[in-house]
Amino acid sequence: MDTNRSQRAADWPKQFIQRQLTTLARDTGARGVLLVDSRGDVIAGIGSTNGFDEFKLIPVANGEPAFNFAYHQSKTHDVYSAEVGNGMRLSLVFDRNQPGSRIGLVLQYTRRTVQEISTALSTLDQPAAHTA
């Protein structure tokens, strides 16, 4: 098997997720966007959070099929967080000193990104089809 092809296949999820996070930050005006696992470890991220790490701790309901969207407001930042699946969360950080995005647009773009990432990750979990 071609090792370059194997490496490209292994890098695909990371590249796809980075593109999704970059697009989400651009569309919403978020200062930083992170995808974290159930322990709070960063899987992927873009932008700057200026040391504001508490957003990784925003709780979301686990095990429910609904789209869960949480909001946290501090003195310096607004943080939105959504469950992606498999215990992962997507968090967006907004600087309160900058003009803010409308909550409806943040919700809409976040929902789209969560759906895209969830679909992509679920296809990775399925066994590859063998052709004869």
Protein backbone atom coordinates (compact mmCIF):
# COMPACT_ATOMS: atom_id res chain seq x y z
CA MET A 1 0.00 0.00 0.00
CA ASP A 2 1.21 3.49 -0.84
CA THR A 3 2.44 5.17 2.38
CA ASN A 4 1.69 8.68 1.03
CA ARG A 5 -1.88 7.61 0.36
CA SER A 6 -2.14 6.13 3.89
CA GLN A 7 -0.82 9.35 5.43
CA ARG A 8 -3.29 11.47 3.42
CA ALA A 9 -6.13 9.20 4.56
CA ALA A 10 -4.98 9.49 8.18
CA ASP A 11 -4.71 13.30 7.92
CA TRP A 12 -8.11 13.72 6.26
CA PRO A 13 -10.16 14.00 9.48
CA LYS A 14 -7.78 16.61 10.94
CA GLN A 15 -7.75 18.67 7.74
CA PHE A 16 -11.54 18.44 7.39
CA ILE A 17 -12.11 19.50 11.02
CA GLN A 18 -9.65 22.41 10.70
CA ARG A 19 -11.51 23.64 7.60
CA GLN A 20 -14.83 23.37 9.43
CA LEU A 21 -13.52 25.32 12.43
CA THR A 22 -11.96 27.98 10.20
CA THR A 23 -15.24 28.42 8.30
CA LEU A 24 -17.24 28.61 11.54
CA ALA A 25 -14.94 31.29 12.99
CA ARG A 26 -15.13 33.29 9.77
CA ASP A 27 -18.93 33.04 9.52
CA THR A 28 -19.60 33.93 13.17
CA GLY A 29 -16.76 36.32 13.96
CA ALA A 30 -15.56 34.10 16.81
CA ARG A 31 -12.15 34.93 18.19
CA GLY A 32 -11.39 31.25 18.72
CA VAL A 33 -13.03 27.88 18.10
CA LEU A 34 -12.09 24.61 19.77
CA LEU A 35 -13.15 21.00 19.47
CA VAL A 36 -12.53 19.20 22.77
CA ASP A 37 -13.02 15.63 23.93
CA SER A 38 -14.95 14.47 27.01
CA ARG A 39 -11.92 15.13 29.27
CA GLY A 40 -11.52 18.69 27.99
CA ASP A 41 -8.43 17.91 25.91
CA VAL A 42 -8.22 19.95 22.71
CA ILE A 43 -8.62 17.87 19.56
CA ALA A 44 -8.44 20.83 17.15
CA GLY A 45 -8.57 24.59 17.43
CA ILE A 46 -8.14 27.82 15.57
CA GLY A 47 -7.85 31.45 16.53
CA SER A 48 -7.09 32.95 19.91
CA THR A 49 -8.79 32.58 23.26
CA ASN A 50 -6.40 34.94 25.09
CA GLY A 51 -5.84 32.40 27.85
CA PHE A 52 -9.57 31.99 28.47
CA ASP A 53 -9.62 28.25 29.12
CA GLU A 54 -12.71 27.91 31.30
CA PHE A 55 -14.89 27.58 28.20
CA LYS A 56 -13.71 23.99 27.84
CA LEU A 57 -15.68 23.21 30.98
CA ILE A 58 -19.12 24.31 29.81
CA PRO A 59 -21.40 21.36 30.50
CA VAL A 60 -23.71 19.96 27.88
CA ALA A 61 -26.24 17.16 28.25
CA ASN A 62 -24.79 13.80 27.25
CA GLY A 63 -26.65 10.94 25.66
CA GLU A 64 -29.56 12.95 24.33
CA PRO A 65 -30.31 12.94 20.60
CA ALA A 66 -31.13 16.67 20.61
CA PHE A 67 -28.81 19.48 19.54
CA ASN A 68 -27.48 20.92 22.82
CA PHE A 69 -26.30 24.51 22.80
CA ALA A 70 -24.92 26.22 25.92
CA TYR A 71 -23.96 29.82 26.60
CA HIS A 72 -21.59 31.31 29.15
CA GLN A 73 -20.97 35.00 29.74
CA SER A 74 -17.97 36.32 31.63
CA LYS A 75 -16.66 39.86 32.07
CA THR A 76 -14.36 39.56 29.07
CA HIS A 77 -15.79 36.78 26.85
CA ASP A 78 -18.97 35.18 25.59
CA VAL A 79 -18.69 31.44 25.01
CA TYR A 80 -21.05 29.16 23.09
CA SER A 81 -20.69 25.40 23.30
CA ALA A 82 -22.41 22.55 21.46
CA GLU A 83 -22.21 18.78 21.73
CA VAL A 84 -20.78 17.12 18.63
CA GLY A 85 -21.14 13.51 19.75
CA ASN A 86 -18.95 10.85 21.35
CA GLY A 87 -18.42 13.22 24.28
CA MET A 88 -16.87 15.93 22.09
CA ARG A 89 -17.81 19.60 22.34
CA LEU A 90 -17.38 22.50 19.98
CA SER A 91 -16.76 25.83 21.75
CA LEU A 92 -16.70 29.32 20.27
CA VAL A 93 -15.12 32.24 22.14
CA PHE A 94 -16.14 35.85 21.48
CA ASP A 95 -14.37 38.90 22.91
CA ARG A 96 -16.98 41.08 24.64
CA ASN A 97 -15.02 44.22 23.66
CA GLN A 98 -15.60 43.47 19.96
CA PRO A 99 -18.93 43.94 18.19
CA GLY A 100 -20.88 40.74 18.77
CA SER A 101 -22.52 38.28 16.45
CA ARG A 102 -26.22 37.67 16.56
CA ILE A 103 -27.12 34.61 18.61
CA GLY A 104 -29.35 33.26 15.83
CA LEU A 105 -26.49 33.28 13.32
CA VAL A 106 -24.06 31.72 15.79
CA LEU A 107 -26.63 28.99 16.51
CA GLN A 108 -27.30 28.37 12.81
CA TYR A 109 -23.63 28.17 11.80
CA THR A 110 -22.72 26.09 14.85
CA ARG A 111 -25.53 23.63 14.15
CA ARG A 112 -24.34 23.26 10.54
CA THR A 113 -20.73 22.68 11.63
CA VAL A 114 -21.73 20.13 14.29
CA GLN A 115 -23.76 18.26 11.68
CA GLU A 116 -20.87 18.24 9.19
CA ILE A 117 -18.31 17.06 11.75
CA SER A 118 -20.67 14.44 13.23
CA THR A 119 -21.45 13.03 9.79
CA ALA A 120 -17.76 12.91 8.84
CA LEU A 121 -16.76 11.22 12.08
CA SER A 122 -19.56 8.66 11.83
CA THR A 123 -18.34 7.61 8.38
CA LEU A 124 -14.88 6.99 9.86
CA ASP A 125 -16.39 4.65 12.46
CA GLN A 126 -18.06 2.47 9.82
CA PRO A 127 -16.04 -0.42 8.36
CA ALA A 128 -14.84 0.14 4.82
CA ALA A 129 -16.82 -1.67 2.14
CA HIS A 130 -14.86 -4.33 0.31
CA THR A 131 -15.31 -4.63 -3.42
CA ALA A 132 -14.75 -7.84 -5.32
